[in-house]
């Protein structure tokens, strides 16, 4: 699924903002938002590496609702904007941009789950 999405959405302009899949450098910028907010929200919603795509397909609205609080930092980091500017965006535009960013980078988000989960285990073990 993710390879097809990357091909279908290689670069999109929404409301004057160019949205494109993350480069390595961009991923480093968005990683705190992904690891600190998006992935924990997805995990709390019951998504795991094993059921990730099936969960998104079967419980899409619920998953989007769980991820919604992470949209501001995710959009801000992805577009190099201040969070205050993202908060002032039109609601529909911000949601569309957030979903586009997630769709374009679903493979990167999914593939970062093991790394992020290992970081959580290390922190909770006190290592």
PDB file of N, CA and C in Angstrom:
ATOM      1  N   UNK A   1       0.816  -1.191   0.000  1.00  0.00           N
ATOM      2  CA  UNK A   1       0.000   0.000   0.000  1.00  0.00           C
ATOM      3  C   UNK A   1       0.864   1.260   0.000  1.00  0.00           C
ATOM      4  N   UNK A   2       1.879   1.306   0.795  1.00  0.00           N
ATOM      5  CA  UNK A   2       2.638   2.542   0.950  1.00  0.00           C
ATOM      6  C   UNK A   2       3.401   2.928  -0.304  1.00  0.00           C
ATOM      7  N   UNK A   3       3.922   1.972  -1.051  1.00  0.00           N
ATOM      8  CA  UNK A   3       4.639   2.311  -2.275  1.00  0.00           C
ATOM      9  C   UNK A   3       3.699   2.944  -3.300  1.00  0.00           C
ATOM     10  N   UNK A   4       2.467   2.419  -3.377  1.00  0.00           N
ATOM     11  CA  UNK A   4       1.490   2.969  -4.297  1.00  0.00           C
ATOM     12  C   UNK A   4       1.136   4.403  -3.914  1.00  0.00           C
ATOM     13  N   UNK A   5       0.987   4.665  -2.616  1.00  0.00           N
ATOM     14  CA  UNK A   5       0.652   6.009  -2.157  1.00  0.00           C
ATOM     15  C   UNK A   5       1.773   6.974  -2.508  1.00  0.00           C
ATOM     16  N   UNK A   6       3.011   6.565  -2.310  1.00  0.00           N
ATOM     17  CA  UNK A   6       4.143   7.430  -2.631  1.00  0.00           C
ATOM     18  C   UNK A   6       4.163   7.773  -4.117  1.00  0.00           C
ATOM     19  N   UNK A   7       3.794   6.824  -4.959  1.00  0.00           N
ATOM     20  CA  UNK A   7       3.753   7.073  -6.396  1.00  0.00           C
ATOM     21  C   UNK A   7       2.588   7.995  -6.741  1.00  0.00           C
ATOM     22  N   UNK A   8       1.434   7.770  -6.101  1.00  0.00           N
ATOM     23  CA  UNK A   8       0.253   8.581  -6.383  1.00  0.00           C
ATOM     24  C   UNK A   8       0.365  10.004  -5.836  1.00  0.00           C
ATOM     25  N   UNK A   9       1.068  10.169  -4.733  1.00  0.00           N
ATOM     26  CA  UNK A   9       1.188  11.477  -4.093  1.00  0.00           C
ATOM     27  C   UNK A   9       2.643  11.911  -3.961  1.00  0.00           C
ATOM     28  N   UNK A  10       3.386  11.974  -5.075  1.00  0.00           N
ATOM     29  CA  UNK A  10       4.790  12.326  -4.943  1.00  0.00           C
ATOM     30  C   UNK A  10       4.995  13.763  -4.475  1.00  0.00           C
ATOM     31  N   UNK A  11       4.120  14.645  -4.889  1.00  0.00           N
ATOM     32  CA  UNK A  11       4.209  16.048  -4.511  1.00  0.00           C
ATOM     33  C   UNK A  11       2.853  16.683  -4.777  1.00  0.00           C
ATOM     34  N   UNK A  12       2.345  17.397  -3.779  1.00  0.00           N
ATOM     35  CA  UNK A  12       1.011  17.983  -3.872  1.00  0.00           C
ATOM     36  C   UNK A  12       1.091  19.413  -3.349  1.00  0.00           C
ATOM     37  N   UNK A  13       0.304  20.299  -3.950  1.00  0.00           N
ATOM     38  CA  UNK A  13       0.203  21.656  -3.412  1.00  0.00           C
ATOM     39  C   UNK A  13      -1.195  21.837  -2.837  1.00  0.00           C
ATOM     40  N   UNK A  14      -1.241  22.231  -1.573  1.00  0.00           N
ATOM     41  CA  UNK A  14      -2.507  22.458  -0.888  1.00  0.00           C
ATOM     42  C   UNK A  14      -2.432  23.832  -0.236  1.00  0.00           C
ATOM     43  N   UNK A  15      -3.299  24.707  -0.632  1.00  0.00           N
ATOM     44  CA  UNK A  15      -3.344  26.039  -0.038  1.00  0.00           C
ATOM     45  C   UNK A  15      -2.031  26.790  -0.103  1.00  0.00           C
ATOM     46  N   UNK A  16      -1.313  26.616  -1.199  1.00  0.00           N
ATOM     47  CA  UNK A  16      -0.039  27.303  -1.357  1.00  0.00           C
ATOM     48  C   UNK A  16       1.131  26.627  -0.660  1.00  0.00           C
ATOM     49  N   UNK A  17       0.881  25.473  -0.032  1.00  0.00           N
ATOM     50  CA  UNK A  17       1.953  24.726   0.647  1.00  0.00           C
ATOM     51  C   UNK A  17       2.305  23.496  -0.175  1.00  0.00           C
ATOM     52  N   UNK A  18       3.579  23.332  -0.452  1.00  0.00           N
ATOM     53  CA  UNK A  18       4.050  22.168  -1.201  1.00  0.00           C
ATOM     54  C   UNK A  18       4.282  21.025  -0.220  1.00  0.00           C
ATOM     55  N   UNK A  19       3.533  19.942  -0.403  1.00  0.00           N
ATOM     56  CA  UNK A  19       3.643  18.771   0.456  1.00  0.00           C
ATOM     57  C   UNK A  19       4.290  17.666  -0.364  1.00  0.00           C
ATOM     58  N   UNK A  20       5.373  17.122   0.150  1.00  0.00           N
ATOM     59  CA  UNK A  20       6.040  16.030  -0.554  1.00  0.00           C
ATOM     60  C   UNK A  20       6.597  15.053   0.472  1.00  0.00           C
ATOM     61  N   UNK A  21       6.854  13.819   0.020  1.00  0.00           N
ATOM     62  CA  UNK A  21       7.392  12.830   0.957  1.00  0.00           C
ATOM     63  C   UNK A  21       8.675  13.333   1.617  1.00  0.00           C
ATOM     64  N   UNK A  22       8.869  12.922   2.865  1.00  0.00           N
ATOM     65  CA  UNK A  22      10.028  13.364   3.631  1.00  0.00           C
ATOM     66  C   UNK A  22      11.335  12.845   3.057  1.00  0.00           C
ATOM     67  N   UNK A  23      12.299  13.723   2.982  1.00  0.00           N
ATOM     68  CA  UNK A  23      13.679  13.313   2.711  1.00  0.00           C
ATOM     69  C   UNK A  23      14.260  12.839   4.045  1.00  0.00           C
ATOM     70  N   UNK A  24      15.469  12.344   4.046  1.00  0.00           N
ATOM     71  CA  UNK A  24      16.112  11.928   5.290  1.00  0.00           C
ATOM     72  C   UNK A  24      16.246  13.116   6.239  1.00  0.00           C
ATOM     73  N   UNK A  25      16.672  14.253   5.703  1.00  0.00           N
ATOM     74  CA  UNK A  25      16.824  15.447   6.525  1.00  0.00           C
ATOM     75  C   UNK A  25      15.504  15.922   7.104  1.00  0.00           C
ATOM     76  N   UNK A  26      14.446  15.864   6.313  1.00  0.00           N
ATOM     77  CA  UNK A  26      13.128  16.266   6.802  1.00  0.00           C
ATOM     78  C   UNK A  26      12.645  15.284   7.867  1.00  0.00           C
ATOM     79  N   UNK A  27      12.923  13.999   7.667  1.00  0.00           N
ATOM     80  CA  UNK A  27      12.503  13.013   8.664  1.00  0.00           C
ATOM     81  C   UNK A  27      13.166  13.294  10.007  1.00  0.00           C
ATOM     82  N   UNK A  28      14.433  13.718   9.976  1.00  0.00           N
ATOM     83  CA  UNK A  28      15.098  14.077  11.234  1.00  0.00           C
ATOM     84  C   UNK A  28      14.364  15.225  11.920  1.00  0.00           C
ATOM     85  N   UNK A  29      13.840  16.166  11.136  1.00  0.00           N
ATOM     86  CA  UNK A  29      13.101  17.297  11.717  1.00  0.00           C
ATOM     87  C   UNK A  29      11.741  16.872  12.266  1.00  0.00           C
ATOM     88  N   UNK A  30      11.070  15.976  11.580  1.00  0.00           N
ATOM     89  CA  UNK A  30       9.729  15.585  12.011  1.00  0.00           C
ATOM     90  C   UNK A  30       9.745  14.458  13.033  1.00  0.00           C
ATOM     91  N   UNK A  31      10.888  13.807  13.208  1.00  0.00           N
ATOM     92  CA  UNK A  31      10.962  12.656  14.111  1.00  0.00           C
ATOM     93  C   UNK A  31      10.445  12.962  15.515  1.00  0.00           C
ATOM     94  N   UNK A  32      10.775  14.112  16.116  1.00  0.00           N
ATOM     95  CA  UNK A  32      10.212  14.365  17.455  1.00  0.00           C
ATOM     96  C   UNK A  32       8.675  14.374  17.473  1.00  0.00           C
ATOM     97  N   UNK A  33       8.067  14.907  16.448  1.00  0.00           N
ATOM     98  CA  UNK A  33       6.597  14.900  16.379  1.00  0.00           C
ATOM     99  C   UNK A  33       6.075  13.487  16.139  1.00  0.00           C
ATOM    100  N   UNK A  34       6.756  12.740  15.287  1.00  0.00           N
ATOM    101  CA  UNK A  34       6.337  11.368  14.999  1.00  0.00           C
ATOM    102  C   UNK A  34       6.506  10.502  16.244  1.00  0.00           C
ATOM    103  N   UNK A  35       7.692  10.558  16.850  1.00  0.00           N
ATOM    104  CA  UNK A  35       7.987   9.701  17.999  1.00  0.00           C
ATOM    105  C   UNK A  35       7.283  10.172  19.268  1.00  0.00           C
ATOM    106  N   UNK A  36       7.159  11.478  19.435  1.00  0.00           N
ATOM    107  CA  UNK A  36       6.611  12.001  20.675  1.00  0.00           C
ATOM    108  C   UNK A  36       5.109  12.072  20.731  1.00  0.00           C
ATOM    109  N   UNK A  37       4.456  12.174  19.562  1.00  0.00           N
ATOM    110  CA  UNK A  37       3.003  12.344  19.580  1.00  0.00           C
ATOM    111  C   UNK A  37       2.260  11.398  18.655  1.00  0.00           C
ATOM    112  N   UNK A  38       2.678  11.304  17.406  1.00  0.00           N
ATOM    113  CA  UNK A  38       1.924  10.514  16.450  1.00  0.00           C
ATOM    114  C   UNK A  38       1.962   9.019  16.779  1.00  0.00           C
ATOM    115  N   UNK A  39       3.139   8.458  16.940  1.00  0.00           N
ATOM    116  CA  UNK A  39       3.245   7.020  17.195  1.00  0.00           C
ATOM    117  C   UNK A  39       2.600   6.632  18.520  1.00  0.00           C
ATOM    118  N   UNK A  40       2.811   7.385  19.615  1.00  0.00           N
ATOM    119  CA  UNK A  40       2.094   7.023  20.848  1.00  0.00           C
ATOM    120  C   UNK A  40       0.572   7.049  20.680  1.00  0.00           C
ATOM    121  N   UNK A  41       0.057   8.009  19.912  1.00  0.00           N
ATOM    122  CA  UNK A  41      -1.384   8.072  19.667  1.00  0.00           C
ATOM    123  C   UNK A  41      -1.854   6.855  18.883  1.00  0.00           C
ATOM    124  N   UNK A  42      -1.077   6.456  17.881  1.00  0.00           N
ATOM    125  CA  UNK A  42      -1.427   5.279  17.096  1.00  0.00           C
ATOM    126  C   UNK A  42      -1.342   4.017  17.939  1.00  0.00           C
ATOM    127  N   UNK A  43      -0.324   3.947  18.790  1.00  0.00           N
ATOM    128  CA  UNK A  43      -0.166   2.789  19.674  1.00  0.00           C
ATOM    129  C   UNK A  43      -1.336   2.716  20.643  1.00  0.00           C
ATOM    130  N   UNK A  44      -1.722   3.859  21.211  1.00  0.00           N
ATOM    131  CA  UNK A  44      -2.852   3.879  22.147  1.00  0.00           C
ATOM    132  C   UNK A  44      -4.155   3.468  21.461  1.00  0.00           C
ATOM    133  N   UNK A  45      -4.255   3.746  20.179  1.00  0.00           N
ATOM    134  CA  UNK A  45      -5.433   3.347  19.412  1.00  0.00           C
ATOM    135  C   UNK A  45      -5.395   1.864  19.044  1.00  0.00           C
ATOM    136  N   UNK A  46      -4.317   1.179  19.423  1.00  0.00           N
ATOM    137  CA  UNK A  46      -4.227  -0.259  19.196  1.00  0.00           C
ATOM    138  C   UNK A  46      -3.473  -0.680  17.960  1.00  0.00           C
ATOM    139  N   UNK A  47      -2.806   0.258  17.286  1.00  0.00           N
ATOM    140  CA  UNK A  47      -2.032  -0.128  16.109  1.00  0.00           C
ATOM    141  C   UNK A  47      -0.671  -0.650  16.537  1.00  0.00           C
ATOM    142  N   UNK A  48      -0.291  -1.738  15.920  1.00  0.00           N
ATOM    143  CA  UNK A  48       1.038  -2.311  16.127  1.00  0.00           C
ATOM    144  C   UNK A  48       1.671  -2.501  14.758  1.00  0.00           C
ATOM    145  N   UNK A  49       2.927  -2.878  14.747  1.00  0.00           N
ATOM    146  CA  UNK A  49       3.600  -3.139  13.489  1.00  0.00           C
ATOM    147  C   UNK A  49       2.880  -4.254  12.721  1.00  0.00           C
ATOM    148  N   UNK A  50       2.364  -5.229  13.462  1.00  0.00           N
ATOM    149  CA  UNK A  50       1.721  -6.381  12.834  1.00  0.00           C
ATOM    150  C   UNK A  50       0.352  -6.040  12.234  1.00  0.00           C
ATOM    151  N   UNK A  51      -0.404  -5.136  12.849  1.00  0.00           N
ATOM    152  CA  UNK A  51      -1.756  -4.857  12.353  1.00  0.00           C
ATOM    153  C   UNK A  51      -1.896  -3.457  11.760  1.00  0.00           C
ATOM    154  N   UNK A  52      -0.797  -2.804  11.476  1.00  0.00           N
ATOM    155  CA  UNK A  52      -0.790  -1.399  11.082  1.00  0.00           C
ATOM    156  C   UNK A  52      -1.709  -1.123   9.892  1.00  0.00           C
ATOM    157  N   UNK A  53      -1.455  -1.746   8.773  1.00  0.00           N
ATOM    158  CA  UNK A  53      -2.232  -1.446   7.564  1.00  0.00           C
ATOM    159  C   UNK A  53      -3.670  -1.939   7.687  1.00  0.00           C
ATOM    160  N   UNK A  54      -3.867  -3.103   8.273  1.00  0.00           N
ATOM    161  CA  UNK A  54      -5.220  -3.628   8.466  1.00  0.00           C
ATOM    162  C   UNK A  54      -6.013  -2.712   9.402  1.00  0.00           C
ATOM    163  N   UNK A  55      -5.369  -2.246  10.461  1.00  0.00           N
ATOM    164  CA  UNK A  55      -6.030  -1.340  11.403  1.00  0.00           C
ATOM    165  C   UNK A  55      -6.413  -0.030  10.755  1.00  0.00           C
ATOM    166  N   UNK A  56      -5.527   0.517   9.938  1.00  0.00           N
ATOM    167  CA  UNK A  56      -5.849   1.763   9.231  1.00  0.00           C
ATOM    168  C   UNK A  56      -7.021   1.568   8.283  1.00  0.00           C
ATOM    169  N   UNK A  57      -7.023   0.440   7.599  1.00  0.00           N
ATOM    170  CA  UNK A  57      -8.086   0.185   6.629  1.00  0.00           C
ATOM    171  C   UNK A  57      -9.430  -0.032   7.312  1.00  0.00           C
ATOM    172  N   UNK A  58      -9.443  -0.747   8.426  1.00  0.00           N
ATOM    173  CA  UNK A  58     -10.720  -1.096   9.054  1.00  0.00           C
ATOM    174  C   UNK A  58     -11.226  -0.057  10.049  1.00  0.00           C
ATOM    175  N   UNK A  59     -10.313   0.737  10.629  1.00  0.00           N
ATOM    176  CA  UNK A  59     -10.715   1.696  11.669  1.00  0.00           C
ATOM    177  C   UNK A  59     -10.187   3.088  11.353  1.00  0.00           C
ATOM    178  N   UNK A  60     -10.218   3.461  10.086  1.00  0.00           N
ATOM    179  CA  UNK A  60      -9.615   4.710   9.631  1.00  0.00           C
ATOM    180  C   UNK A  60     -10.036   5.945  10.394  1.00  0.00           C
ATOM    181  N   UNK A  61     -11.349   6.160  10.563  1.00  0.00           N
ATOM    182  CA  UNK A  61     -11.825   7.374  11.242  1.00  0.00           C
ATOM    183  C   UNK A  61     -11.364   7.411  12.698  1.00  0.00           C
ATOM    184  N   UNK A  62     -11.405   6.278  13.362  1.00  0.00           N
ATOM    185  CA  UNK A  62     -10.954   6.202  14.757  1.00  0.00           C
ATOM    186  C   UNK A  62      -9.457   6.502  14.857  1.00  0.00           C
ATOM    187  N   UNK A  63      -8.694   5.958  13.934  1.00  0.00           N
ATOM    188  CA  UNK A  63      -7.246   6.162  13.936  1.00  0.00           C
ATOM    189  C   UNK A  63      -6.925   7.626  13.649  1.00  0.00           C
ATOM    190  N   UNK A  64      -7.618   8.217  12.692  1.00  0.00           N
ATOM    191  CA  UNK A  64      -7.404   9.634  12.379  1.00  0.00           C
ATOM    192  C   UNK A  64      -7.741  10.489  13.601  1.00  0.00           C
ATOM    193  N   UNK A  65      -8.829  10.151  14.287  1.00  0.00           N
ATOM    194  CA  UNK A  65      -9.192  10.877  15.505  1.00  0.00           C
ATOM    195  C   UNK A  65      -8.117  10.776  16.569  1.00  0.00           C
ATOM    196  N   UNK A  66      -7.520   9.608  16.703  1.00  0.00           N
ATOM    197  CA  UNK A  66      -6.452   9.423  17.688  1.00  0.00           C
ATOM    198  C   UNK A  66      -5.207  10.211  17.303  1.00  0.00           C
ATOM    199  N   UNK A  67      -4.943  10.305  16.006  1.00  0.00           N
ATOM    200  CA  UNK A  67      -3.737  10.999  15.525  1.00  0.00           C
ATOM    201  C   UNK A  67      -3.919  12.509  15.439  1.00  0.00           C
ATOM    202  N   UNK A  68      -5.159  12.977  15.460  1.00  0.00           N
ATOM    203  CA  UNK A  68      -5.453  14.388  15.247  1.00  0.00           C
ATOM    204  C   UNK A  68      -4.631  15.347  16.125  1.00  0.00           C
ATOM    205  N   UNK A  69      -4.452  15.095  17.431  1.00  0.00           N
ATOM    206  CA  UNK A  69      -3.665  16.022  18.243  1.00  0.00           C
ATOM    207  C   UNK A  69      -2.208  16.174  17.780  1.00  0.00           C
ATOM    208  N   UNK A  70      -1.715  15.204  17.053  1.00  0.00           N
ATOM    209  CA  UNK A  70      -0.328  15.268  16.569  1.00  0.00           C
ATOM    210  C   UNK A  70      -0.207  16.054  15.270  1.00  0.00           C
ATOM    211  N   UNK A  71      -1.328  16.468  14.681  1.00  0.00           N
ATOM    212  CA  UNK A  71      -1.271  17.149  13.395  1.00  0.00           C
ATOM    213  C   UNK A  71      -0.499  18.462  13.448  1.00  0.00           C
ATOM    214  N   UNK A  72      -0.719  19.292  14.458  1.00  0.00           N
ATOM    215  CA  UNK A  72      -0.050  20.601  14.507  1.00  0.00           C
ATOM    216  C   UNK A  72       1.467  20.461  14.469  1.00  0.00           C
ATOM    217  N   UNK A  73       2.087  19.688  15.383  1.00  0.00           N
ATOM    218  CA  UNK A  73       3.543  19.584  15.308  1.00  0.00           C
ATOM    219  C   UNK A  73       4.034  18.868  14.055  1.00  0.00           C
ATOM    220  N   UNK A  74       3.260  17.917  13.566  1.00  0.00           N
ATOM    221  CA  UNK A  74       3.641  17.185  12.365  1.00  0.00           C
ATOM    222  C   UNK A  74       3.629  18.103  11.146  1.00  0.00           C
ATOM    223  N   UNK A  75       2.568  18.882  10.997  1.00  0.00           N
ATOM    224  CA  UNK A  75       2.479  19.818   9.871  1.00  0.00           C
ATOM    225  C   UNK A  75       3.554  20.892   9.993  1.00  0.00           C
ATOM    226  N   UNK A  76       3.718  21.434  11.193  1.00  0.00           N
ATOM    227  CA  UNK A  76       4.716  22.495  11.402  1.00  0.00           C
ATOM    228  C   UNK A  76       6.115  22.011  11.021  1.00  0.00           C
ATOM    229  N   UNK A  77       6.491  20.821  11.493  1.00  0.00           N
ATOM    230  CA  UNK A  77       7.830  20.295  11.181  1.00  0.00           C
ATOM    231  C   UNK A  77       7.961  19.948   9.703  1.00  0.00           C
ATOM    232  N   UNK A  78       6.903  19.407   9.120  1.00  0.00           N
ATOM    233  CA  UNK A  78       6.953  19.008   7.710  1.00  0.00           C
ATOM    234  C   UNK A  78       7.056  20.199   6.770  1.00  0.00           C
ATOM    235  N   UNK A  79       6.387  21.298   7.129  1.00  0.00           N
ATOM    236  CA  UNK A  79       6.350  22.469   6.251  1.00  0.00           C
ATOM    237  C   UNK A  79       7.262  23.598   6.722  1.00  0.00           C
ATOM    238  N   UNK A  80       8.033  23.357   7.783  1.00  0.00           N
ATOM    239  CA  UNK A  80       8.914  24.388   8.348  1.00  0.00           C
ATOM    240  C   UNK A  80       8.127  25.658   8.692  1.00  0.00           C
ATOM    241  N   UNK A  81       7.018  25.471   9.404  1.00  0.00           N
ATOM    242  CA  UNK A  81       6.180  26.580   9.836  1.00  0.00           C
ATOM    243  C   UNK A  81       6.122  26.619  11.362  1.00  0.00           C
ATOM    244  N   UNK A  82       5.895  27.781  11.930  1.00  0.00           N
ATOM    245  CA  UNK A  82       5.653  27.825  13.375  1.00  0.00           C
ATOM    246  C   UNK A  82       4.307  27.146  13.686  1.00  0.00           C
ATOM    247  N   UNK A  83       4.228  26.476  14.835  1.00  0.00           N
ATOM    248  CA  UNK A  83       2.981  25.809  15.205  1.00  0.00           C
ATOM    249  C   UNK A  83       1.825  26.798  15.279  1.00  0.00           C
ATOM    250  N   UNK A  84       2.094  28.025  15.711  1.00  0.00           N
ATOM    251  CA  UNK A  84       1.031  29.034  15.791  1.00  0.00           C
ATOM    252  C   UNK A  84       0.420  29.297  14.412  1.00  0.00           C
ATOM    253  N   UNK A  85       1.238  29.267  13.379  1.00  0.00           N
ATOM    254  CA  UNK A  85       0.728  29.483  12.019  1.00  0.00           C
ATOM    255  C   UNK A  85      -0.135  28.305  11.581  1.00  0.00           C
ATOM    256  N   UNK A  86       0.273  27.098  11.962  1.00  0.00           N
ATOM    257  CA  UNK A  86      -0.528  25.917  11.627  1.00  0.00           C
ATOM    258  C   UNK A  86      -1.876  26.000  12.347  1.00  0.00           C
ATOM    259  N   UNK A  87      -1.863  26.416  13.610  1.00  0.00           N
ATOM    260  CA  UNK A  87      -3.105  26.519  14.368  1.00  0.00           C
ATOM    261  C   UNK A  87      -4.076  27.531  13.767  1.00  0.00           C
ATOM    262  N   UNK A  88      -3.569  28.481  13.004  1.00  0.00           N
ATOM    263  CA  UNK A  88      -4.428  29.491  12.372  1.00  0.00           C
ATOM    264  C   UNK A  88      -4.945  29.057  11.003  1.00  0.00           C
ATOM    265  N   UNK A  89      -4.491  27.918  10.504  1.00  0.00           N
ATOM    266  CA  UNK A  89      -4.957  27.432   9.204  1.00  0.00           C
ATOM    267  C   UNK A  89      -6.447  27.111   9.266  1.00  0.00           C
ATOM    268  N   UNK A  90      -7.084  27.200   8.117  1.00  0.00           N
ATOM    269  CA  UNK A  90      -8.452  26.717   7.977  1.00  0.00           C
ATOM    270  C   UNK A  90      -8.489  25.245   8.390  1.00  0.00           C
ATOM    271  N   UNK A  91      -9.510  24.863   9.131  1.00  0.00           N
ATOM    272  CA  UNK A  91      -9.610  23.504   9.658  1.00  0.00           C
ATOM    273  C   UNK A  91      -9.481  22.450   8.559  1.00  0.00           C
ATOM    274  N   UNK A  92     -10.292  22.590   7.509  1.00  0.00           N
ATOM    275  CA  UNK A  92     -10.278  21.593   6.433  1.00  0.00           C
ATOM    276  C   UNK A  92      -8.914  21.519   5.751  1.00  0.00           C
ATOM    277  N   UNK A  93      -8.293  22.672   5.579  1.00  0.00           N
ATOM    278  CA  UNK A  93      -6.973  22.703   4.952  1.00  0.00           C
ATOM    279  C   UNK A  93      -5.951  21.984   5.830  1.00  0.00           C
ATOM    280  N   UNK A  94      -5.963  22.251   7.133  1.00  0.00           N
ATOM    281  CA  UNK A  94      -5.002  21.607   8.042  1.00  0.00           C
ATOM    282  C   UNK A  94      -5.209  20.099   8.085  1.00  0.00           C
ATOM    283  N   UNK A  95      -6.449  19.663   8.138  1.00  0.00           N
ATOM    284  CA  UNK A  95      -6.726  18.222   8.162  1.00  0.00           C
ATOM    285  C   UNK A  95      -6.273  17.582   6.852  1.00  0.00           C
ATOM    286  N   UNK A  96      -6.563  18.235   5.731  1.00  0.00           N
ATOM    287  CA  UNK A  96      -6.142  17.702   4.434  1.00  0.00           C
ATOM    288  C   UNK A  96      -4.625  17.623   4.346  1.00  0.00           C
ATOM    289  N   UNK A  97      -3.939  18.655   4.807  1.00  0.00           N
ATOM    290  CA  UNK A  97      -2.471  18.645   4.790  1.00  0.00           C
ATOM    291  C   UNK A  97      -1.942  17.541   5.705  1.00  0.00           C
ATOM    292  N   UNK A  98      -2.485  17.440   6.904  1.00  0.00           N
ATOM    293  CA  UNK A  98      -2.036  16.401   7.842  1.00  0.00           C
ATOM    294  C   UNK A  98      -2.225  15.001   7.290  1.00  0.00           C
ATOM    295  N   UNK A  99      -3.394  14.739   6.722  1.00  0.00           N
ATOM    296  CA  UNK A  99      -3.651  13.416   6.145  1.00  0.00           C
ATOM    297  C   UNK A  99      -2.770  13.144   4.935  1.00  0.00           C
ATOM    298  N   UNK A 100      -2.499  14.173   4.148  1.00  0.00           N
ATOM    299  CA  UNK A 100      -1.613  14.013   2.992  1.00  0.00           C
ATOM    300  C   UNK A 100      -0.202  13.678   3.457  1.00  0.00           C
ATOM    301  N   UNK A 101       0.278  14.388   4.469  1.00  0.00           N
ATOM    302  CA  UNK A 101       1.619  14.121   5.006  1.00  0.00           C
ATOM    303  C   UNK A 101       1.701  12.693   5.508  1.00  0.00           C
ATOM    304  N   UNK A 102       0.704  12.263   6.269  1.00  0.00           N
ATOM    305  CA  UNK A 102       0.707  10.890   6.789  1.00  0.00           C
ATOM    306  C   UNK A 102       0.637   9.891   5.647  1.00  0.00           C
ATOM    307  N   UNK A 103      -0.227  10.136   4.660  1.00  0.00           N
ATOM    308  CA  UNK A 103      -0.364   9.210   3.526  1.00  0.00           C
ATOM    309  C   UNK A 103       0.935   9.089   2.740  1.00  0.00           C
ATOM    310  N   UNK A 104       1.577  10.233   2.482  1.00  0.00           N
ATOM    311  CA  UNK A 104       2.817  10.210   1.704  1.00  0.00           C
ATOM    312  C   UNK A 104       3.940   9.486   2.437  1.00  0.00           C
ATOM    313  N   UNK A 105       3.880   9.497   3.761  1.00  0.00           N
ATOM    314  CA  UNK A 105       5.001   8.991   4.558  1.00  0.00           C
ATOM    315  C   UNK A 105       4.631   7.786   5.405  1.00  0.00           C
ATOM    316  N   UNK A 106       3.551   7.117   5.055  1.00  0.00           N
ATOM    317  CA  UNK A 106       3.074   5.985   5.833  1.00  0.00           C
ATOM    318  C   UNK A 106       4.151   4.917   6.001  1.00  0.00           C
ATOM    319  N   UNK A 107       4.877   4.631   4.955  1.00  0.00           N
ATOM    320  CA  UNK A 107       5.947   3.640   5.037  1.00  0.00           C
ATOM    321  C   UNK A 107       7.022   4.058   6.021  1.00  0.00           C
ATOM    322  N   UNK A 108       7.392   5.330   6.000  1.00  0.00           N
ATOM    323  CA  UNK A 108       8.413   5.824   6.921  1.00  0.00           C
ATOM    324  C   UNK A 108       7.915   5.773   8.359  1.00  0.00           C
ATOM    325  N   UNK A 109       6.640   6.132   8.572  1.00  0.00           N
ATOM    326  CA  UNK A 109       6.076   6.088   9.921  1.00  0.00           C
ATOM    327  C   UNK A 109       6.030   4.651  10.408  1.00  0.00           C
ATOM    328  N   UNK A 110       5.526   3.763   9.574  1.00  0.00           N
ATOM    329  CA  UNK A 110       5.440   2.349   9.943  1.00  0.00           C
ATOM    330  C   UNK A 110       6.824   1.768  10.214  1.00  0.00           C
ATOM    331  N   UNK A 111       7.780   2.082   9.361  1.00  0.00           N
ATOM    332  CA  UNK A 111       9.121   1.534   9.529  1.00  0.00           C
ATOM    333  C   UNK A 111       9.852   2.120  10.724  1.00  0.00           C
ATOM    334  N   UNK A 112       9.405   3.276  11.224  1.00  0.00           N
ATOM    335  CA  UNK A 112      10.052   3.859  12.391  1.00  0.00           C
ATOM    336  C   UNK A 112       9.483   3.303  13.696  1.00  0.00           C
ATOM    337  N   UNK A 113       8.363   2.576  13.637  1.00  0.00           N
ATOM    338  CA  UNK A 113       7.755   2.036  14.848  1.00  0.00           C
ATOM    339  C   UNK A 113       8.710   1.197  15.693  1.00  0.00           C
ATOM    340  N   UNK A 114       9.439   0.238  15.121  1.00  0.00           N
ATOM    341  CA  UNK A 114      10.335  -0.565  15.962  1.00  0.00           C
ATOM    342  C   UNK A 114      11.401   0.290  16.663  1.00  0.00           C
ATOM    343  N   UNK A 115      11.970   1.256  15.959  1.00  0.00           N
ATOM    344  CA  UNK A 115      12.984   2.130  16.546  1.00  0.00           C
ATOM    345  C   UNK A 115      12.396   2.933  17.703  1.00  0.00           C
ATOM    346  N   UNK A 116      11.217   3.492  17.491  1.00  0.00           N
ATOM    347  CA  UNK A 116      10.572   4.297  18.530  1.00  0.00           C
ATOM    348  C   UNK A 116      10.187   3.430  19.722  1.00  0.00           C
ATOM    349  N   UNK A 117       9.634   2.242  19.461  1.00  0.00           N
ATOM    350  CA  UNK A 117       9.245   1.353  20.557  1.00  0.00           C
ATOM    351  C   UNK A 117      10.465   0.923  21.370  1.00  0.00           C
ATOM    352  N   UNK A 118      11.589   0.710  20.714  1.00  0.00           N
ATOM    353  CA  UNK A 118      12.817   0.347  21.435  1.00  0.00           C
ATOM    354  C   UNK A 118      13.274   1.511  22.309  1.00  0.00           C
ATOM    355  N   UNK A 119      13.148   2.736  21.825  1.00  0.00           N
ATOM    356  CA  UNK A 119      13.488   3.906  22.641  1.00  0.00           C
ATOM    357  C   UNK A 119      12.603   3.974  23.869  1.00  0.00           C
ATOM    358  N   UNK A 120      11.296   3.699  23.705  1.00  0.00           N
ATOM    359  CA  UNK A 120      10.386   3.704  24.858  1.00  0.00           C
ATOM    360  C   UNK A 120      10.795   2.648  25.871  1.00  0.00           C
ATOM    361  N   UNK A 121      11.132   1.452  25.392  1.00  0.00           N
ATOM    362  CA  UNK A 121      11.531   0.381  26.315  1.00  0.00           C
ATOM    363  C   UNK A 121      12.798   0.765  27.061  1.00  0.00           C
ATOM    364  N   UNK A 122      13.742   1.398  26.372  1.00  0.00           N
ATOM    365  CA  UNK A 122      14.978   1.808  27.015  1.00  0.00           C
ATOM    366  C   UNK A 122      14.700   2.850  28.104  1.00  0.00           C
ATOM    367  N   UNK A 123      13.843   3.807  27.808  1.00  0.00           N
ATOM    368  CA  UNK A 123      13.515   4.846  28.781  1.00  0.00           C
ATOM    369  C   UNK A 123      12.792   4.258  29.981  1.00  0.00           C
ATOM    370  N   UNK A 124      11.839   3.366  29.737  1.00  0.00           N
ATOM    371  CA  UNK A 124      11.063   2.804  30.849  1.00  0.00           C
ATOM    372  C   UNK A 124      11.868   1.828  31.684  1.00  0.00           C
ATOM    373  N   UNK A 125      12.906   1.236  31.117  1.00  0.00           N
ATOM    374  CA  UNK A 125      13.798   0.368  31.881  1.00  0.00           C
ATOM    375  C   UNK A 125      14.864   1.151  32.606  1.00  0.00           C
ATOM    376  N   UNK A 126      14.986   2.441  32.290  1.00  0.00           N
ATOM    377  CA  UNK A 126      15.981   3.267  32.955  1.00  0.00           C
ATOM    378  C   UNK A 126      17.373   3.105  32.406  1.00  0.00           C
ATOM    379  N   UNK A 127      17.499   2.593  31.191  1.00  0.00           N
ATOM    380  CA  UNK A 127      18.834   2.419  30.579  1.00  0.00           C
ATOM    381  C   UNK A 127      19.250   3.645  29.846  1.00  0.00           C
TER     382      UNK A 127
END
